[in-house]
PDB file of N, CA and C in Angstrom:
ATOM      1  N   ILE A   1       5.026   2.018  -6.185  1.00  0.00           N
ATOM      2  CA  ILE A   1       4.297   2.404  -4.986  1.00  0.00           C
ATOM      3  C   ILE A   1       2.884   2.806  -5.390  1.00  0.00           C
ATOM      4  N   ILE A   2       1.913   2.291  -4.669  1.00  0.00           N
ATOM      5  CA  ILE A   2       0.524   2.696  -4.856  1.00  0.00           C
ATOM      6  C   ILE A   2       0.093   3.397  -3.576  1.00  0.00           C
ATOM      7  N   GLU A   3      -0.456   4.597  -3.723  1.00  0.00           N
ATOM      8  CA  GLU A   3      -0.967   5.326  -2.578  1.00  0.00           C
ATOM      9  C   GLU A   3      -2.486   5.308  -2.611  1.00  0.00           C
ATOM     10  N   VAL A   4      -3.080   4.969  -1.481  1.00  0.00           N
ATOM     11  CA  VAL A   4      -4.532   4.907  -1.357  1.00  0.00           C
ATOM     12  C   VAL A   4      -4.957   5.813  -0.213  1.00  0.00           C
ATOM     13  N   ASN A   5      -5.869   6.728  -0.500  1.00  0.00           N
ATOM     14  CA  ASN A   5      -6.420   7.594   0.534  1.00  0.00           C
ATOM     15  C   ASN A   5      -7.486   6.806   1.278  1.00  0.00           C
ATOM     16  N   HIS A   6      -7.227   6.527   2.546  1.00  0.00           N
ATOM     17  CA  HIS A   6      -8.161   5.768   3.368  1.00  0.00           C
ATOM     18  C   HIS A   6      -9.050   6.685   4.216  1.00  0.00           C
ATOM     19  N   GLY A   7      -8.981   7.972   3.942  1.00  0.00           N
ATOM     20  CA  GLY A   7      -9.792   8.933   4.683  1.00  0.00           C
ATOM     21  C   GLY A   7      -9.049   9.522   5.860  1.00  0.00           C
ATOM     22  N   THR A   8      -8.654   8.688   6.816  1.00  0.00           N
ATOM     23  CA  THR A   8      -7.947   9.180   7.998  1.00  0.00           C
ATOM     24  C   THR A   8      -6.433   9.142   7.827  1.00  0.00           C
ATOM     25  N   PHE A   9      -5.945   8.444   6.804  1.00  0.00           N
ATOM     26  CA  PHE A   9      -4.517   8.366   6.501  1.00  0.00           C
ATOM     27  C   PHE A   9      -4.345   7.911   5.053  1.00  0.00           C
ATOM     28  N   THR A  10      -3.127   8.048   4.544  1.00  0.00           N
ATOM     29  CA  THR A  10      -2.786   7.544   3.218  1.00  0.00           C
ATOM     30  C   THR A  10      -1.952   6.285   3.396  1.00  0.00           C
ATOM     31  N   GLY A  11      -2.351   5.213   2.727  1.00  0.00           N
ATOM     32  CA  GLY A  11      -1.583   3.972   2.767  1.00  0.00           C
ATOM     33  C   GLY A  11      -0.671   3.912   1.558  1.00  0.00           C
ATOM     34  N   ARG A  12       0.590   3.589   1.782  1.00  0.00           N
ATOM     35  CA  ARG A  12       1.538   3.381   0.685  1.00  0.00           C
ATOM     36  C   ARG A  12       1.847   1.896   0.617  1.00  0.00           C
ATOM     37  N   TYR A  13       1.547   1.316  -0.523  1.00  0.00           N
ATOM     38  CA  TYR A  13       1.756  -0.107  -0.758  1.00  0.00           C
ATOM     39  C   TYR A  13       2.929  -0.240  -1.727  1.00  0.00           C
ATOM     40  N   CYS A  14       4.033  -0.796  -1.255  1.00  0.00           N
ATOM     41  CA  CYS A  14       5.248  -0.894  -2.048  1.00  0.00           C
ATOM     42  C   CYS A  14       5.516  -2.350  -2.413  1.00  0.00           C
ATOM     43  N   SER A  15       6.226  -2.575  -3.484  1.00  0.00           N
ATOM     44  CA  SER A  15       6.558  -3.904  -4.025  1.00  0.00           C
ATOM     45  C   SER A  15       5.381  -4.475  -4.804  1.00  0.00           C
ATOM     46  N   ILE A  16       4.663  -3.629  -5.517  1.00  0.00           N
ATOM     47  CA  ILE A  16       3.528  -4.050  -6.341  1.00  0.00           C
ATOM     48  C   ILE A  16       3.975  -4.134  -7.800  1.00  0.00           C
ATOM     49  N   ASP A  17       3.635  -5.216  -8.458  1.00  0.00           N
ATOM     50  CA  ASP A  17       3.933  -5.399  -9.876  1.00  0.00           C
ATOM     51  C   ASP A  17       3.202  -4.326 -10.687  1.00  0.00           C
ATOM     52  N   GLN A  18       3.945  -3.514 -11.417  1.00  0.00           N
ATOM     53  CA  GLN A  18       3.363  -2.399 -12.164  1.00  0.00           C
ATOM     54  C   GLN A  18       2.387  -2.842 -13.249  1.00  0.00           C
ATOM     55  N   GLU A  19       2.588  -4.006 -13.811  1.00  0.00           N
ATOM     56  CA  GLU A  19       1.711  -4.464 -14.899  1.00  0.00           C
ATOM     57  C   GLU A  19       0.308  -4.802 -14.412  1.00  0.00           C
ATOM     58  N   ASN A  20       0.164  -5.156 -13.147  1.00  0.00           N
ATOM     59  CA  ASN A  20      -1.134  -5.572 -12.626  1.00  0.00           C
ATOM     60  C   ASN A  20      -1.724  -4.578 -11.634  1.00  0.00           C
ATOM     61  N   ALA A  21      -1.139  -3.394 -11.528  1.00  0.00           N
ATOM     62  CA  ALA A  21      -1.566  -2.414 -10.527  1.00  0.00           C
ATOM     63  C   ALA A  21      -2.738  -1.578 -11.032  1.00  0.00           C
ATOM     64  N   VAL A  22      -3.536  -1.074 -10.089  1.00  0.00           N
ATOM     65  CA  VAL A  22      -4.626  -0.166 -10.449  1.00  0.00           C
ATOM     66  C   VAL A  22      -4.028   1.132 -10.984  1.00  0.00           C
ATOM     67  N   GLY A  23      -4.813   1.841 -11.755  1.00  0.00           N
ATOM     68  CA  GLY A  23      -4.338   3.090 -12.339  1.00  0.00           C
ATOM     69  C   GLY A  23      -4.596   4.285 -11.438  1.00  0.00           C
ATOM     70  N   ILE A  24      -3.961   5.383 -11.782  1.00  0.00           N
ATOM     71  CA  ILE A  24      -4.135   6.634 -11.038  1.00  0.00           C
ATOM     72  C   ILE A  24      -5.597   7.056 -11.108  1.00  0.00           C
ATOM     73  N   GLY A  25      -6.135   7.447  -9.966  1.00  0.00           N
ATOM     74  CA  GLY A  25      -7.507   7.935  -9.903  1.00  0.00           C
ATOM     75  C   GLY A  25      -8.575   6.858  -9.816  1.00  0.00           C
ATOM     76  N   THR A  26      -8.165   5.597  -9.746  1.00  0.00           N
ATOM     77  CA  THR A  26      -9.131   4.509  -9.645  1.00  0.00           C
ATOM     78  C   THR A  26      -9.891   4.591  -8.330  1.00  0.00           C
ATOM     79  N   GLU A  27     -11.213   4.546  -8.411  1.00  0.00           N
ATOM     80  CA  GLU A  27     -12.043   4.532  -7.195  1.00  0.00           C
ATOM     81  C   GLU A  27     -12.053   3.104  -6.665  1.00  0.00           C
ATOM     82  N   LEU A  28     -11.739   2.945  -5.397  1.00  0.00           N
ATOM     83  CA  LEU A  28     -11.659   1.622  -4.790  1.00  0.00           C
ATOM     84  C   LEU A  28     -12.716   1.454  -3.710  1.00  0.00           C
ATOM     85  N   LYS A  29     -13.077   0.187  -3.500  1.00  0.00           N
ATOM     86  CA  LYS A  29     -13.949  -0.136  -2.375  1.00  0.00           C
ATOM     87  C   LYS A  29     -13.291  -1.285  -1.615  1.00  0.00           C
ATOM     88  N   SER A  30     -13.727  -1.501  -0.418  1.00  0.00           N
ATOM     89  CA  SER A  30     -13.148  -2.542   0.418  1.00  0.00           C
ATOM     90  C   SER A  30     -13.141  -3.878  -0.319  1.00  0.00           C
ATOM     91  N   GLY A  31     -11.993  -4.542  -0.302  1.00  0.00           N
ATOM     92  CA  GLY A  31     -11.874  -5.847  -0.943  1.00  0.00           C
ATOM     93  C   GLY A  31     -11.322  -5.813  -2.353  1.00  0.00           C
ATOM     94  N   ASP A  32     -11.230  -4.628  -2.970  1.00  0.00           N
ATOM     95  CA  ASP A  32     -10.676  -4.530  -4.323  1.00  0.00           C
ATOM     96  C   ASP A  32      -9.197  -4.903  -4.318  1.00  0.00           C
ATOM     97  N   VAL A  33      -8.749  -5.525  -5.388  1.00  0.00           N
ATOM     98  CA  VAL A  33      -7.339  -5.862  -5.563  1.00  0.00           C
ATOM     99  C   VAL A  33      -6.649  -4.651  -6.187  1.00  0.00           C
ATOM    100  N   ILE A  34      -5.569  -4.174  -5.549  1.00  0.00           N
ATOM    101  CA  ILE A  34      -4.852  -3.027  -6.103  1.00  0.00           C
ATOM    102  C   ILE A  34      -3.641  -3.455  -6.927  1.00  0.00           C
ATOM    103  N   GLY A  35      -3.244  -4.698  -6.810  1.00  0.00           N
ATOM    104  CA  GLY A  35      -2.109  -5.213  -7.565  1.00  0.00           C
ATOM    105  C   GLY A  35      -1.630  -6.520  -6.964  1.00  0.00           C
ATOM    106  N   ARG A  36      -0.548  -7.015  -7.520  1.00  0.00           N
ATOM    107  CA  ARG A  36       0.034  -8.267  -7.031  1.00  0.00           C
ATOM    108  C   ARG A  36       1.443  -7.984  -6.517  1.00  0.00           C
ATOM    109  N   VAL A  37       1.804  -8.644  -5.427  1.00  0.00           N
ATOM    110  CA  VAL A  37       3.126  -8.472  -4.838  1.00  0.00           C
ATOM    111  C   VAL A  37       4.180  -8.945  -5.825  1.00  0.00           C
ATOM    112  N   SER A  38       5.254  -8.195  -5.897  1.00  0.00           N
ATOM    113  CA  SER A  38       6.351  -8.495  -6.806  1.00  0.00           C
ATOM    114  C   SER A  38       7.653  -8.564  -6.016  1.00  0.00           C
ATOM    115  N   THR A  39       8.705  -8.973  -6.681  1.00  0.00           N
ATOM    116  CA  THR A  39      10.023  -8.959  -6.047  1.00  0.00           C
ATOM    117  C   THR A  39      10.632  -7.570  -6.210  1.00  0.00           C
ATOM    118  N   VAL A  40      11.524  -7.237  -5.308  1.00  0.00           N
ATOM    119  CA  VAL A  40      12.247  -5.965  -5.361  1.00  0.00           C
ATOM    120  C   VAL A  40      13.708  -6.312  -5.619  1.00  0.00           C
ATOM    121  N   PRO A  41      14.323  -5.743  -6.669  1.00  0.00           N
ATOM    122  CA  PRO A  41      15.695  -6.134  -7.030  1.00  0.00           C
ATOM    123  C   PRO A  41      16.696  -6.091  -5.878  1.00  0.00           C
ATOM    124  N   PHE A  42      16.653  -5.060  -5.043  1.00  0.00           N
ATOM    125  CA  PHE A  42      17.642  -4.961  -3.968  1.00  0.00           C
ATOM    126  C   PHE A  42      17.289  -5.848  -2.778  1.00  0.00           C
ATOM    127  N   GLU A  43      16.165  -6.561  -2.846  1.00  0.00           N
ATOM    128  CA  GLU A  43      15.794  -7.527  -1.814  1.00  0.00           C
ATOM    129  C   GLU A  43      15.600  -8.903  -2.434  1.00  0.00           C
ATOM    130  N   SER A  44      16.359  -9.199  -3.449  1.00  0.00           N
ATOM    131  CA  SER A  44      16.162 -10.431  -4.213  1.00  0.00           C
ATOM    132  C   SER A  44      16.389 -11.697  -3.388  1.00  0.00           C
ATOM    133  N   ALA A  45      17.107 -11.606  -2.284  1.00  0.00           N
ATOM    134  CA  ALA A  45      17.322 -12.781  -1.437  1.00  0.00           C
ATOM    135  C   ALA A  45      16.084 -13.112  -0.609  1.00  0.00           C
ATOM    136  N   ASP A  46      15.159 -12.139  -0.488  1.00  0.00           N
ATOM    137  CA  ASP A  46      13.935 -12.343   0.290  1.00  0.00           C
ATOM    138  C   ASP A  46      12.814 -12.848  -0.606  1.00  0.00           C
ATOM    139  N   GLU A  47      11.874 -13.525   0.003  1.00  0.00           N
ATOM    140  CA  GLU A  47      10.659 -13.911  -0.716  1.00  0.00           C
ATOM    141  C   GLU A  47       9.873 -12.633  -1.057  1.00  0.00           C
ATOM    142  N   PRO A  48       9.048 -12.664  -2.106  1.00  0.00           N
ATOM    143  CA  PRO A  48       8.215 -11.494  -2.395  1.00  0.00           C
ATOM    144  C   PRO A  48       7.356 -11.140  -1.176  1.00  0.00           C
ATOM    145  N   HIS A  49       7.264  -9.857  -0.874  1.00  0.00           N
ATOM    146  CA  HIS A  49       6.498  -9.404   0.283  1.00  0.00           C
ATOM    147  C   HIS A  49       6.067  -7.961   0.063  1.00  0.00           C
ATOM    148  N   LEU A  50       5.105  -7.536   0.823  1.00  0.00           N
ATOM    149  CA  LEU A  50       4.554  -6.191   0.709  1.00  0.00           C
ATOM    150  C   LEU A  50       5.145  -5.283   1.778  1.00  0.00           C
ATOM    151  N   HIS A  51       5.531  -4.096   1.367  1.00  0.00           N
ATOM    152  CA  HIS A  51       5.900  -3.039   2.309  1.00  0.00           C
ATOM    153  C   HIS A  51       4.680  -2.140   2.424  1.00  0.00           C
ATOM    154  N   PHE A  52       4.283  -1.808   3.644  1.00  0.00           N
ATOM    155  CA  PHE A  52       3.125  -0.951   3.860  1.00  0.00           C
ATOM    156  C   PHE A  52       3.502   0.181   4.796  1.00  0.00           C
ATOM    157  N   GLU A  53       3.157   1.400   4.404  1.00  0.00           N
ATOM    158  CA  GLU A  53       3.389   2.570   5.244  1.00  0.00           C
ATOM    159  C   GLU A  53       2.068   3.289   5.429  1.00  0.00           C
ATOM    160  N   ALA A  54       1.897   3.894   6.585  1.00  0.00           N
ATOM    161  CA  ALA A  54       0.725   4.731   6.854  1.00  0.00           C
ATOM    162  C   ALA A  54       1.223   6.159   7.065  1.00  0.00           C
ATOM    163  N   ILE A  55       0.677   7.098   6.295  1.00  0.00           N
ATOM    164  CA  ILE A  55       1.077   8.496   6.364  1.00  0.00           C
ATOM    165  C   ILE A  55      -0.123   9.326   6.815  1.00  0.00           C
ATOM    166  N   LYS A  56       0.067  10.095   7.873  1.00  0.00           N
ATOM    167  CA  LYS A  56      -1.000  10.969   8.380  1.00  0.00           C
ATOM    168  C   LYS A  56      -0.408  12.356   8.591  1.00  0.00           C
ATOM    169  N   ASP A  57      -1.073  13.358   8.050  1.00  0.00           N
ATOM    170  CA  ASP A  57      -0.596  14.742   8.162  1.00  0.00           C
ATOM    171  C   ASP A  57       0.841  14.881   7.679  1.00  0.00           C
ATOM    172  N   GLY A  58       1.183  14.138   6.613  1.00  0.00           N
ATOM    173  CA  GLY A  58       2.507  14.236   6.018  1.00  0.00           C
ATOM    174  C   GLY A  58       3.616  13.495   6.743  1.00  0.00           C
ATOM    175  N   LYS A  59       3.280  12.758   7.801  1.00  0.00           N
ATOM    176  CA  LYS A  59       4.287  12.049   8.586  1.00  0.00           C
ATOM    177  C   LYS A  59       3.941  10.571   8.696  1.00  0.00           C
ATOM    178  N   ALA A  60       4.986   9.750   8.756  1.00  0.00           N
ATOM    179  CA  ALA A  60       4.778   8.318   8.957  1.00  0.00           C
ATOM    180  C   ALA A  60       4.156   8.086  10.329  1.00  0.00           C
ATOM    181  N   THR A  61       3.208   7.168  10.386  1.00  0.00           N
ATOM    182  CA  THR A  61       2.553   6.822  11.644  1.00  0.00           C
ATOM    183  C   THR A  61       2.518   5.301  11.769  1.00  0.00           C
ATOM    184  N   ASP A  62       2.249   4.810  12.926  1.00  0.00           N
ATOM    185  CA  ASP A  62       2.198   3.367  13.171  1.00  0.00           C
ATOM    186  C   ASP A  62       1.062   2.766  12.342  1.00  0.00           C
ATOM    187  N   PRO A  63       1.380   1.878  11.396  1.00  0.00           N
ATOM    188  CA  PRO A  63       0.335   1.295  10.551  1.00  0.00           C
ATOM    189  C   PRO A  63      -0.739   0.548  11.343  1.00  0.00           C
ATOM    190  N   LEU A  64      -0.355  -0.113  12.419  1.00  0.00           N
ATOM    191  CA  LEU A  64      -1.348  -0.856  13.216  1.00  0.00           C
ATOM    192  C   LEU A  64      -2.365   0.087  13.839  1.00  0.00           C
ATOM    193  N   VAL A  65      -1.912   1.231  14.314  1.00  0.00           N
ATOM    194  CA  VAL A  65      -2.822   2.216  14.897  1.00  0.00           C
ATOM    195  C   VAL A  65      -3.726   2.791  13.801  1.00  0.00           C
ATOM    196  N   ALA A  66      -3.163   3.120  12.657  1.00  0.00           N
ATOM    197  CA  ALA A  66      -3.948   3.677  11.544  1.00  0.00           C
ATOM    198  C   ALA A  66      -5.008   2.697  11.074  1.00  0.00           C
ATOM    199  N   LEU A  67      -4.645   1.431  10.913  1.00  0.00           N
ATOM    200  CA  LEU A  67      -5.603   0.421  10.443  1.00  0.00           C
ATOM    201  C   LEU A  67      -6.658   0.124  11.490  1.00  0.00           C
ATOM    202  N   GLU A  68      -6.299   0.162  12.763  1.00  0.00           N
ATOM    203  CA  GLU A  68      -7.246  -0.090  13.844  1.00  0.00           C
ATOM    204  C   GLU A  68      -8.393   0.935  13.800  1.00  0.00           C
ATOM    205  N   LYS A  69      -8.070   2.166  13.448  1.00  0.00           N
ATOM    206  CA  LYS A  69      -9.069   3.223  13.409  1.00  0.00           C
ATOM    207  C   LYS A  69     -10.035   3.072  12.232  1.00  0.00           C
ATOM    208  N   LEU A  70      -9.704   2.237  11.256  1.00  0.00           N
ATOM    209  CA  LEU A  70     -10.603   1.998  10.120  1.00  0.00           C
ATOM    210  C   LEU A  70     -11.743   1.062  10.497  1.00  0.00           C
ATOM    211  N   GLN A  71     -11.559   0.281  11.545  1.00  0.00           N
ATOM    212  CA  GLN A  71     -12.563  -0.726  11.901  1.00  0.00           C
ATOM    213  C   GLN A  71     -13.697  -0.167  12.705  1.00  0.00           C
TER     214      GLN A  71
END
């Protein structure tokens, strides 16, 4: 899991290959690659895909609403 502080919420990016992921404390800018999607052992029947969560004030929030506010 990679967590990115987007200012108004924290994005959690799950299913990222650890070998290609950014390190802790890395400063990011729009468009930076944080890692590559990997397979998840307990979802091996599925194609590789990204799980994304938006956390605001310690609680899960609708990712579409959180991302809309970034624009």
